[in-house]
Amino acid sequence: MPAKDELAPRRYEKLVDRLGTMMRAGLNPQYEGYYGQLILSRDDLTEMGDLKDVRRAAREAGGRLGWKVTTQLVDGRLFVLDQREVPEEIERLAGRAAADAIDRARDEARRPRLT
């Protein structure tokens, strides 16, 4: 009979806490907790352990933040996304911020470069 890993629950809880901290750090305060996302690189995933455990921990951490979590693995990166319905006023605010960022990028691209 294989020995039971008595530290596994503690390691899992530490992973949930770590992912929750990373998720909170990526939130824009203006969006009141909406539009949450976390992207974990291949190196992050290797360090954190088994993919199924990381996904499960990410879903739990997101649930603690009130997120409706989905995870997607794309080219070795794990995307952890909040899929909740966004209130209209926050959606408008985020839309304006995105449009402003696009305008700034377009203006920057049009500026002559000094070489």
N, C-alpha and C. Protein backbone atom coordinates (compact mmCIF):
# COMPACT_ATOMS: atom_id res chain seq x y z
N MET A 1 0.85 -1.17 0.00
CA MET A 1 0.00 0.00 0.00
C MET A 1 0.90 1.24 0.00
N PRO A 2 0.65 2.21 -0.93
CA PRO A 2 1.47 3.42 -0.97
C PRO A 2 1.25 4.28 0.27
N ALA A 3 2.32 4.91 0.69
CA ALA A 3 2.23 5.81 1.84
C ALA A 3 1.39 7.03 1.49
N LYS A 4 0.59 7.46 2.44
CA LYS A 4 -0.25 8.64 2.23
C LYS A 4 0.60 9.90 2.35
N ASP A 5 0.42 10.82 1.42
CA ASP A 5 1.16 12.09 1.45
C ASP A 5 0.40 13.03 2.38
N GLU A 6 0.86 13.11 3.62
CA GLU A 6 0.17 13.91 4.62
C GLU A 6 0.34 15.41 4.42
N LEU A 7 1.34 15.81 3.62
CA LEU A 7 1.57 17.23 3.38
C LEU A 7 0.80 17.75 2.16
N ALA A 8 0.21 16.87 1.38
CA ALA A 8 -0.49 17.28 0.16
C ALA A 8 -1.57 18.33 0.42
N PRO A 9 -2.43 18.17 1.43
CA PRO A 9 -3.45 19.21 1.66
C PRO A 9 -2.84 20.58 1.99
N ARG A 10 -1.74 20.58 2.73
CA ARG A 10 -1.09 21.86 3.06
C ARG A 10 -0.47 22.50 1.82
N ARG A 11 0.18 21.69 0.98
CA ARG A 11 0.76 22.21 -0.26
C ARG A 11 -0.33 22.77 -1.17
N TYR A 12 -1.45 22.07 -1.24
CA TYR A 12 -2.56 22.53 -2.07
C TYR A 12 -3.10 23.87 -1.56
N GLU A 13 -3.29 23.98 -0.26
CA GLU A 13 -3.81 25.23 0.32
C GLU A 13 -2.84 26.38 0.08
N LYS A 14 -1.54 26.11 0.17
CA LYS A 14 -0.54 27.15 -0.11
C LYS A 14 -0.61 27.57 -1.58
N LEU A 15 -0.86 26.61 -2.47
CA LEU A 15 -1.00 26.92 -3.90
C LEU A 15 -2.24 27.77 -4.13
N VAL A 16 -3.34 27.44 -3.49
CA VAL A 16 -4.57 28.25 -3.61
C VAL A 16 -4.30 29.67 -3.13
N ASP A 17 -3.63 29.81 -2.00
CA ASP A 17 -3.32 31.13 -1.46
C ASP A 17 -2.41 31.91 -2.41
N ARG A 18 -1.39 31.24 -2.93
CA ARG A 18 -0.45 31.90 -3.85
C ARG A 18 -1.17 32.38 -5.11
N LEU A 19 -1.99 31.52 -5.69
CA LEU A 19 -2.73 31.91 -6.90
C LEU A 19 -3.71 33.04 -6.60
N GLY A 20 -4.38 32.97 -5.44
CA GLY A 20 -5.30 34.04 -5.06
C GLY A 20 -4.60 35.38 -4.94
N THR A 21 -3.40 35.37 -4.37
CA THR A 21 -2.61 36.59 -4.24
C THR A 21 -2.26 37.13 -5.63
N MET A 22 -1.85 36.25 -6.53
CA MET A 22 -1.50 36.66 -7.89
C MET A 22 -2.73 37.22 -8.62
N MET A 23 -3.87 36.60 -8.41
CA MET A 23 -5.10 37.06 -9.06
C MET A 23 -5.50 38.45 -8.56
N ARG A 24 -5.46 38.63 -7.25
CA ARG A 24 -5.80 39.94 -6.67
C ARG A 24 -4.85 41.02 -7.15
N ALA A 25 -3.56 40.69 -7.26
CA ALA A 25 -2.56 41.68 -7.68
C ALA A 25 -2.81 42.16 -9.10
N GLY A 26 -3.41 41.33 -9.93
CA GLY A 26 -3.66 41.71 -11.32
C GLY A 26 -4.95 42.47 -11.56
N LEU A 27 -5.73 42.66 -10.52
CA LEU A 27 -7.01 43.35 -10.69
C LEU A 27 -6.83 44.86 -10.76
N ASN A 28 -7.60 45.49 -11.63
CA ASN A 28 -7.63 46.95 -11.73
C ASN A 28 -8.69 47.44 -10.73
N PRO A 29 -8.30 48.22 -9.72
CA PRO A 29 -9.27 48.66 -8.71
C PRO A 29 -10.48 49.38 -9.29
N GLN A 30 -10.29 50.07 -10.41
CA GLN A 30 -11.42 50.79 -11.02
C GLN A 30 -12.52 49.84 -11.47
N TYR A 31 -12.16 48.60 -11.77
CA TYR A 31 -13.15 47.65 -12.29
C TYR A 31 -13.82 46.83 -11.20
N GLU A 32 -13.58 47.20 -9.94
CA GLU A 32 -14.27 46.64 -8.78
C GLU A 32 -14.25 45.11 -8.75
N GLY A 33 -13.13 44.51 -9.14
CA GLY A 33 -12.97 43.07 -9.08
C GLY A 33 -13.36 42.33 -10.34
N TYR A 34 -13.92 43.03 -11.32
CA TYR A 34 -14.29 42.40 -12.59
C TYR A 34 -13.10 42.42 -13.56
N TYR A 35 -13.23 41.67 -14.63
CA TYR A 35 -12.20 41.54 -15.67
C TYR A 35 -10.92 40.92 -15.13
N GLY A 36 -11.07 39.99 -14.20
CA GLY A 36 -9.91 39.32 -13.64
C GLY A 36 -9.30 38.33 -14.60
N GLN A 37 -7.99 38.27 -14.59
CA GLN A 37 -7.28 37.27 -15.40
C GLN A 37 -5.91 37.02 -14.80
N LEU A 38 -5.41 35.84 -15.04
CA LEU A 38 -4.06 35.47 -14.64
C LEU A 38 -3.52 34.57 -15.73
N ILE A 39 -2.31 34.84 -16.17
CA ILE A 39 -1.68 34.01 -17.19
C ILE A 39 -0.42 33.41 -16.58
N LEU A 40 -0.39 32.09 -16.53
CA LEU A 40 0.75 31.38 -15.97
C LEU A 40 1.57 30.80 -17.11
N SER A 41 2.86 31.08 -17.09
CA SER A 41 3.76 30.59 -18.14
C SER A 41 4.05 29.10 -17.94
N ARG A 42 4.68 28.52 -18.91
CA ARG A 42 5.11 27.13 -18.83
C ARG A 42 6.02 26.94 -17.61
N ASP A 43 6.93 27.90 -17.37
CA ASP A 43 7.83 27.83 -16.21
C ASP A 43 7.05 27.90 -14.90
N ASP A 44 6.05 28.80 -14.85
CA ASP A 44 5.21 28.89 -13.65
C ASP A 44 4.54 27.54 -13.36
N LEU A 45 4.00 26.95 -14.42
CA LEU A 45 3.28 25.68 -14.25
C LEU A 45 4.22 24.56 -13.80
N THR A 46 5.40 24.53 -14.36
CA THR A 46 6.39 23.52 -13.97
C THR A 46 6.72 23.65 -12.49
N GLU A 47 6.88 24.90 -12.04
CA GLU A 47 7.22 25.15 -10.64
C GLU A 47 6.07 24.80 -9.70
N MET A 48 4.84 25.02 -10.15
CA MET A 48 3.68 24.85 -9.28
C MET A 48 3.22 23.40 -9.14
N GLY A 49 3.59 22.56 -10.08
CA GLY A 49 3.21 21.15 -9.94
C GLY A 49 2.30 20.66 -11.06
N ASP A 50 1.54 19.64 -10.74
CA ASP A 50 0.69 18.97 -11.71
C ASP A 50 -0.40 19.92 -12.23
N LEU A 51 -0.58 19.93 -13.55
CA LEU A 51 -1.52 20.86 -14.19
C LEU A 51 -2.93 20.73 -13.61
N LYS A 52 -3.39 19.51 -13.41
CA LYS A 52 -4.76 19.35 -12.89
C LYS A 52 -4.90 19.96 -11.50
N ASP A 53 -3.85 19.87 -10.69
CA ASP A 53 -3.88 20.48 -9.36
C ASP A 53 -3.85 22.01 -9.44
N VAL A 54 -3.06 22.54 -10.36
CA VAL A 54 -2.98 24.00 -10.54
C VAL A 54 -4.34 24.52 -11.02
N ARG A 55 -4.95 23.84 -11.97
CA ARG A 55 -6.27 24.27 -12.46
C ARG A 55 -7.31 24.24 -11.34
N ARG A 56 -7.30 23.17 -10.57
CA ARG A 56 -8.27 23.04 -9.48
C ARG A 56 -8.04 24.14 -8.44
N ALA A 57 -6.77 24.39 -8.11
CA ALA A 57 -6.44 25.44 -7.13
C ALA A 57 -6.82 26.82 -7.67
N ALA A 58 -6.62 27.05 -8.97
CA ALA A 58 -6.98 28.34 -9.57
C ALA A 58 -8.50 28.54 -9.52
N ARG A 59 -9.24 27.48 -9.78
CA ARG A 59 -10.71 27.60 -9.70
C ARG A 59 -11.15 27.90 -8.27
N GLU A 60 -10.51 27.27 -7.30
CA GLU A 60 -10.86 27.53 -5.91
C GLU A 60 -10.47 28.95 -5.50
N ALA A 61 -9.27 29.37 -5.87
CA ALA A 61 -8.82 30.73 -5.53
C ALA A 61 -9.75 31.76 -6.16
N GLY A 62 -10.10 31.56 -7.41
CA GLY A 62 -11.02 32.48 -8.08
C GLY A 62 -12.38 32.50 -7.42
N GLY A 63 -12.86 31.34 -7.03
CA GLY A 63 -14.15 31.27 -6.33
C GLY A 63 -14.14 32.06 -5.04
N ARG A 64 -13.02 32.05 -4.36
CA ARG A 64 -12.90 32.84 -3.12
C ARG A 64 -12.94 34.33 -3.41
N LEU A 65 -12.56 34.72 -4.63
CA LEU A 65 -12.62 36.13 -5.02
C LEU A 65 -13.98 36.50 -5.63
N GLY A 66 -14.86 35.53 -5.73
CA GLY A 66 -16.17 35.78 -6.32
C GLY A 66 -16.19 35.62 -7.83
N TRP A 67 -15.12 35.10 -8.39
CA TRP A 67 -15.05 34.93 -9.84
C TRP A 67 -15.84 33.70 -10.27
N LYS A 68 -16.29 33.72 -11.50
CA LYS A 68 -16.78 32.54 -12.20
C LYS A 68 -15.61 32.13 -13.09
N VAL A 69 -14.84 31.15 -12.67
CA VAL A 69 -13.53 30.85 -13.26
C VAL A 69 -13.63 29.85 -14.40
N THR A 70 -12.88 30.16 -15.43
CA THR A 70 -12.60 29.19 -16.48
C THR A 70 -11.10 29.18 -16.69
N THR A 71 -10.57 28.01 -17.04
CA THR A 71 -9.14 27.90 -17.32
C THR A 71 -8.97 27.36 -18.73
N GLN A 72 -7.97 27.88 -19.43
CA GLN A 72 -7.68 27.43 -20.79
C GLN A 72 -6.18 27.29 -20.94
N LEU A 73 -5.74 26.14 -21.44
CA LEU A 73 -4.33 25.90 -21.69
C LEU A 73 -4.06 26.18 -23.16
N VAL A 74 -3.17 27.13 -23.43
CA VAL A 74 -2.84 27.53 -24.80
C VAL A 74 -1.32 27.61 -24.93
N ASP A 75 -0.77 26.78 -25.80
CA ASP A 75 0.68 26.77 -26.04
C ASP A 75 1.50 26.76 -24.76
N GLY A 76 1.12 25.92 -23.83
CA GLY A 76 1.89 25.78 -22.60
C GLY A 76 1.61 26.81 -21.54
N ARG A 77 0.74 27.77 -21.83
CA ARG A 77 0.36 28.80 -20.83
C ARG A 77 -1.05 28.50 -20.35
N LEU A 78 -1.26 28.73 -19.07
CA LEU A 78 -2.59 28.54 -18.50
C LEU A 78 -3.23 29.90 -18.28
N PHE A 79 -4.36 30.12 -18.91
CA PHE A 79 -5.14 31.35 -18.76
C PHE A 79 -6.24 31.06 -17.74
N VAL A 80 -6.29 31.87 -16.70
CA VAL A 80 -7.32 31.78 -15.67
C VAL A 80 -8.15 33.05 -15.81
N LEU A 81 -9.42 32.89 -16.16
CA LEU A 81 -10.25 34.05 -16.51
C LEU A 81 -11.53 34.10 -15.69
N ASP A 82 -11.93 35.30 -15.34
CA ASP A 82 -13.21 35.55 -14.66
C ASP A 82 -14.26 35.76 -15.74
N GLN A 83 -15.26 34.91 -15.77
CA GLN A 83 -16.28 34.96 -16.82
C GLN A 83 -17.63 35.52 -16.33
N ARG A 84 -17.60 36.23 -15.22
CA ARG A 84 -18.86 36.79 -14.70
C ARG A 84 -19.42 37.85 -15.64
N GLU A 85 -20.72 38.03 -15.56
CA GLU A 85 -21.37 39.14 -16.26
C GLU A 85 -20.90 40.44 -15.62
N VAL A 86 -20.47 41.39 -16.45
CA VAL A 86 -19.90 42.65 -15.96
C VAL A 86 -21.00 43.72 -15.93
N PRO A 87 -21.12 44.46 -14.82
CA PRO A 87 -22.10 45.54 -14.77
C PRO A 87 -21.83 46.56 -15.88
N GLU A 88 -22.89 47.14 -16.39
CA GLU A 88 -22.81 48.06 -17.53
C GLU A 88 -21.85 49.22 -17.30
N GLU A 89 -21.89 49.82 -16.11
CA GLU A 89 -21.02 50.98 -15.87
C GLU A 89 -19.53 50.59 -15.89
N ILE A 90 -19.22 49.40 -15.40
CA ILE A 90 -17.82 48.93 -15.42
C ILE A 90 -17.42 48.58 -16.86
N GLU A 91 -18.33 48.00 -17.59
CA GLU A 91 -18.07 47.67 -19.00
C GLU A 91 -17.78 48.94 -19.80
N ARG A 92 -18.56 50.00 -19.56
CA ARG A 92 -18.32 51.29 -20.25
C ARG A 92 -16.95 51.86 -19.86
N LEU A 93 -16.64 51.83 -18.57
CA LEU A 93 -15.35 52.33 -18.09
C LEU A 93 -14.19 51.57 -18.73
N ALA A 94 -14.28 50.26 -18.77
CA ALA A 94 -13.21 49.44 -19.37
C ALA A 94 -13.13 49.69 -20.87
N GLY A 95 -14.27 49.88 -21.52
CA GLY A 95 -14.28 50.17 -22.96
C GLY A 95 -13.59 51.49 -23.27
N ARG A 96 -13.87 52.50 -22.45
CA ARG A 96 -13.20 53.79 -22.64
C ARG A 96 -11.69 53.67 -22.42
N ALA A 97 -11.30 52.92 -21.39
CA ALA A 97 -9.87 52.74 -21.11
C ALA A 97 -9.19 52.01 -22.26
N ALA A 98 -9.85 51.02 -22.83
CA ALA A 98 -9.26 50.28 -23.97
C ALA A 98 -9.15 51.19 -25.19
N ALA A 99 -10.18 51.98 -25.45
CA ALA A 99 -10.15 52.90 -26.60
C ALA A 99 -9.05 53.94 -26.42
N ASP A 100 -8.90 54.46 -25.21
CA ASP A 100 -7.83 55.43 -24.94
C ASP A 100 -6.45 54.81 -25.16
N ALA A 101 -6.29 53.56 -24.72
CA ALA A 101 -5.00 52.88 -24.90
C ALA A 101 -4.70 52.67 -26.39
N ILE A 102 -5.71 52.33 -27.16
CA ILE A 102 -5.53 52.16 -28.61
C ILE A 102 -5.16 53.49 -29.25
N ASP A 103 -5.84 54.56 -28.85
CA ASP A 103 -5.52 55.89 -29.39
C ASP A 103 -4.08 56.28 -29.06
N ARG A 104 -3.65 56.03 -27.83
CA ARG A 104 -2.28 56.36 -27.45
C ARG A 104 -1.26 55.54 -28.26
N ALA A 105 -1.55 54.28 -28.46
CA ALA A 105 -0.64 53.43 -29.23
C ALA A 105 -0.58 53.89 -30.69
N ARG A 106 -1.70 54.27 -31.24
CA ARG A 106 -1.74 54.75 -32.63
C ARG A 106 -0.97 56.06 -32.74
N ASP A 107 -1.18 56.97 -31.78
CA ASP A 107 -0.45 58.24 -31.80
C ASP A 107 1.06 58.00 -31.67
N GLU A 108 1.44 57.08 -30.80
CA GLU A 108 2.86 56.77 -30.61
C GLU A 108 3.45 56.18 -31.90
N ALA A 109 2.72 55.35 -32.57
CA ALA A 109 3.21 54.73 -33.81
C ALA A 109 3.40 55.77 -34.93
N ARG A 110 2.63 56.83 -34.89
CA ARG A 110 2.72 57.87 -35.93
C ARG A 110 3.86 58.86 -35.70
N ARG A 111 4.38 58.90 -34.48
CA ARG A 111 5.46 59.85 -34.18
C ARG A 111 6.73 59.44 -34.92
N PRO A 112 7.43 60.44 -35.46
CA PRO A 112 8.69 60.11 -36.13
C PRO A 112 9.73 59.60 -35.12
N ARG A 113 10.49 58.65 -35.53
CA ARG A 113 11.54 58.07 -34.68
C ARG A 113 12.85 58.78 -34.92
N LEU A 114 13.52 59.12 -33.85
CA LEU A 114 14.84 59.71 -33.94
C LEU A 114 15.87 58.60 -33.89
N THR A 115 16.77 58.61 -34.85
CA THR A 115 17.78 57.55 -34.85
C THR A 115 19.17 58.11 -34.73
